[in-house]
Amino acid sequence: MSDLTLSEVIGLVVPGLLVCILVLWAVGMIRVFRQRRVLRYTDRFRAEELTGRVRQLKFRGYEEQAIQLVQRELGMPARKARSWVKSI
């Protein structure tokens, strides 16, 4: 086993941490942009709750019911609702 110096360890760890931070930031931004479409129709808490229910319906294979749920709850036009549900 080779002995690593402190500067070598730091040289390996710092870039890895930066990559992790950038990935987490990108995932957060994607989440915000997806919810922004729904936030025009409702508040943030309700949007997060609706997003969870839509994910459950999609996971079970009920995408059309998820689209109808979004239309019924938010009054969102069918085309926008379909696009938003597919993006989740």
C-alpha atoms as a PDB file:
ATOM      1  CA  MET A   1       0.000   0.000   0.000  1.00  0.00           C
ATOM      2  CA  SER A   2       1.426   3.346  -0.959  1.00  0.00           C
ATOM      3  CA  ASP A   3       1.666   6.203   1.467  1.00  0.00           C
ATOM      4  CA  LEU A   4      -0.272   9.260   0.393  1.00  0.00           C
ATOM      5  CA  THR A   5       0.756  12.656   1.566  1.00  0.00           C
ATOM      6  CA  LEU A   6      -1.731  15.159   2.885  1.00  0.00           C
ATOM      7  CA  SER A   7      -1.445  17.306  -0.237  1.00  0.00           C
ATOM      8  CA  GLU A   8      -2.185  14.272  -2.470  1.00  0.00           C
ATOM      9  CA  VAL A   9      -5.272  13.386  -0.414  1.00  0.00           C
ATOM     10  CA  ILE A  10      -6.510  16.979  -0.564  1.00  0.00           C
ATOM     11  CA  GLY A  11      -5.840  16.997  -4.306  1.00  0.00           C
ATOM     12  CA  LEU A  12      -8.146  13.993  -4.673  1.00  0.00           C
ATOM     13  CA  VAL A  13     -10.874  14.963  -2.213  1.00  0.00           C
ATOM     14  CA  VAL A  14     -11.441  18.621  -3.154  1.00  0.00           C
ATOM     15  CA  PRO A  15     -12.333  17.997  -6.838  1.00  0.00           C
ATOM     16  CA  GLY A  16     -14.641  15.162  -5.765  1.00  0.00           C
ATOM     17  CA  LEU A  17     -16.452  17.430  -3.328  1.00  0.00           C
ATOM     18  CA  LEU A  18     -16.816  20.133  -5.962  1.00  0.00           C
ATOM     19  CA  VAL A  19     -18.348  17.654  -8.396  1.00  0.00           C
ATOM     20  CA  CYS A  20     -20.797  16.450  -5.716  1.00  0.00           C
ATOM     21  CA  ILE A  21     -21.816  20.019  -4.901  1.00  0.00           C
ATOM     22  CA  LEU A  22     -22.372  20.835  -8.582  1.00  0.00           C
ATOM     23  CA  VAL A  23     -24.509  17.711  -9.084  1.00  0.00           C
ATOM     24  CA  LEU A  24     -26.661  18.511  -6.040  1.00  0.00           C
ATOM     25  CA  TRP A  25     -27.095  22.107  -7.234  1.00  0.00           C
ATOM     26  CA  ALA A  26     -28.126  20.929 -10.723  1.00  0.00           C
ATOM     27  CA  VAL A  27     -30.683  18.485  -9.292  1.00  0.00           C
ATOM     28  CA  GLY A  28     -32.129  21.255  -7.118  1.00  0.00           C
ATOM     29  CA  MET A  29     -32.432  23.609 -10.087  1.00  0.00           C
ATOM     30  CA  ILE A  30     -34.205  20.965 -12.174  1.00  0.00           C
ATOM     31  CA  ARG A  31     -36.689  20.451  -9.327  1.00  0.00           C
ATOM     32  CA  VAL A  32     -37.343  24.194  -9.065  1.00  0.00           C
ATOM     33  CA  PHE A  33     -37.912  24.607 -12.796  1.00  0.00           C
ATOM     34  CA  ARG A  34     -40.324  21.670 -12.917  1.00  0.00           C
ATOM     35  CA  GLN A  35     -42.345  23.033 -10.015  1.00  0.00           C
ATOM     36  CA  ARG A  36     -42.339  26.571 -11.397  1.00  0.00           C
ATOM     37  CA  ARG A  37     -44.943  25.564 -14.001  1.00  0.00           C
ATOM     38  CA  VAL A  38     -47.267  24.395 -11.231  1.00  0.00           C
ATOM     39  CA  LEU A  39     -46.532  27.322  -8.935  1.00  0.00           C
ATOM     40  CA  ARG A  40     -48.382  29.591 -11.363  1.00  0.00           C
ATOM     41  CA  TYR A  41     -51.530  27.720 -10.392  1.00  0.00           C
ATOM     42  CA  THR A  42     -51.067  27.042  -6.668  1.00  0.00           C
ATOM     43  CA  ASP A  43     -48.834  27.533  -3.624  1.00  0.00           C
ATOM     44  CA  ARG A  44     -45.539  25.712  -2.972  1.00  0.00           C
ATOM     45  CA  PHE A  45     -46.847  23.303  -0.295  1.00  0.00           C
ATOM     46  CA  ARG A  46     -49.748  22.156  -2.435  1.00  0.00           C
ATOM     47  CA  ALA A  47     -47.451  21.834  -5.468  1.00  0.00           C
ATOM     48  CA  GLU A  48     -45.100  19.512  -3.571  1.00  0.00           C
ATOM     49  CA  GLU A  49     -48.014  17.415  -2.330  1.00  0.00           C
ATOM     50  CA  LEU A  50     -49.485  17.199  -5.838  1.00  0.00           C
ATOM     51  CA  THR A  51     -46.084  16.259  -7.248  1.00  0.00           C
ATOM     52  CA  GLY A  52     -45.918  13.342  -4.823  1.00  0.00           C
ATOM     53  CA  ARG A  53     -49.355  12.085  -5.790  1.00  0.00           C
ATOM     54  CA  VAL A  54     -48.531  12.394  -9.506  1.00  0.00           C
ATOM     55  CA  ARG A  55     -45.319  10.399  -8.996  1.00  0.00           C
ATOM     56  CA  GLN A  56     -47.274   7.665  -7.225  1.00  0.00           C
ATOM     57  CA  LEU A  57     -49.816   7.461 -10.034  1.00  0.00           C
ATOM     58  CA  LYS A  58     -47.096   7.363 -12.696  1.00  0.00           C
ATOM     59  CA  PHE A  59     -45.196   4.667 -10.786  1.00  0.00           C
ATOM     60  CA  ARG A  60     -48.338   2.533 -10.744  1.00  0.00           C
ATOM     61  CA  GLY A  61     -48.848   3.085 -14.487  1.00  0.00           C
ATOM     62  CA  TYR A  62     -51.755   5.537 -14.279  1.00  0.00           C
ATOM     63  CA  GLU A  63     -50.325   8.463 -16.229  1.00  0.00           C
ATOM     64  CA  GLU A  64     -53.690   9.491 -17.713  1.00  0.00           C
ATOM     65  CA  GLN A  65     -55.243   9.627 -14.245  1.00  0.00           C
ATOM     66  CA  ALA A  66     -52.306  11.781 -13.118  1.00  0.00           C
ATOM     67  CA  ILE A  67     -52.970  14.199 -15.990  1.00  0.00           C
ATOM     68  CA  GLN A  68     -56.669  14.356 -15.090  1.00  0.00           C
ATOM     69  CA  LEU A  69     -55.758  14.938 -11.432  1.00  0.00           C
ATOM     70  CA  VAL A  70     -53.572  17.913 -12.357  1.00  0.00           C
ATOM     71  CA  GLN A  71     -56.278  19.347 -14.620  1.00  0.00           C
ATOM     72  CA  ARG A  72     -58.987  18.890 -12.003  1.00  0.00           C
ATOM     73  CA  GLU A  73     -57.001  20.239  -9.038  1.00  0.00           C
ATOM     74  CA  LEU A  74     -55.280  23.155 -10.744  1.00  0.00           C
ATOM     75  CA  GLY A  75     -57.435  23.966 -13.725  1.00  0.00           C
ATOM     76  CA  MET A  76     -54.338  23.613 -15.898  1.00  0.00           C
ATOM     77  CA  PRO A  77     -54.934  23.217 -19.645  1.00  0.00           C
ATOM     78  CA  ALA A  78     -54.673  19.625 -20.907  1.00  0.00           C
ATOM     79  CA  ARG A  79     -51.557  20.194 -22.985  1.00  0.00           C
ATOM     80  CA  LYS A  80     -49.627  21.838 -20.145  1.00  0.00           C
ATOM     81  CA  ALA A  81     -50.811  19.230 -17.651  1.00  0.00           C
ATOM     82  CA  ARG A  82     -49.663  16.407 -19.934  1.00  0.00           C
ATOM     83  CA  SER A  83     -46.259  18.067 -20.411  1.00  0.00           C
ATOM     84  CA  TRP A  84     -45.784  18.635 -16.702  1.00  0.00           C
ATOM     85  CA  VAL A  85     -46.786  15.091 -15.745  1.00  0.00           C
ATOM     86  CA  LYS A  86     -44.395  13.648 -18.325  1.00  0.00           C
ATOM     87  CA  SER A  87     -41.545  15.784 -16.970  1.00  0.00           C
ATOM     88  CA  ILE A  88     -41.912  14.351 -13.470  1.00  0.00           C
END
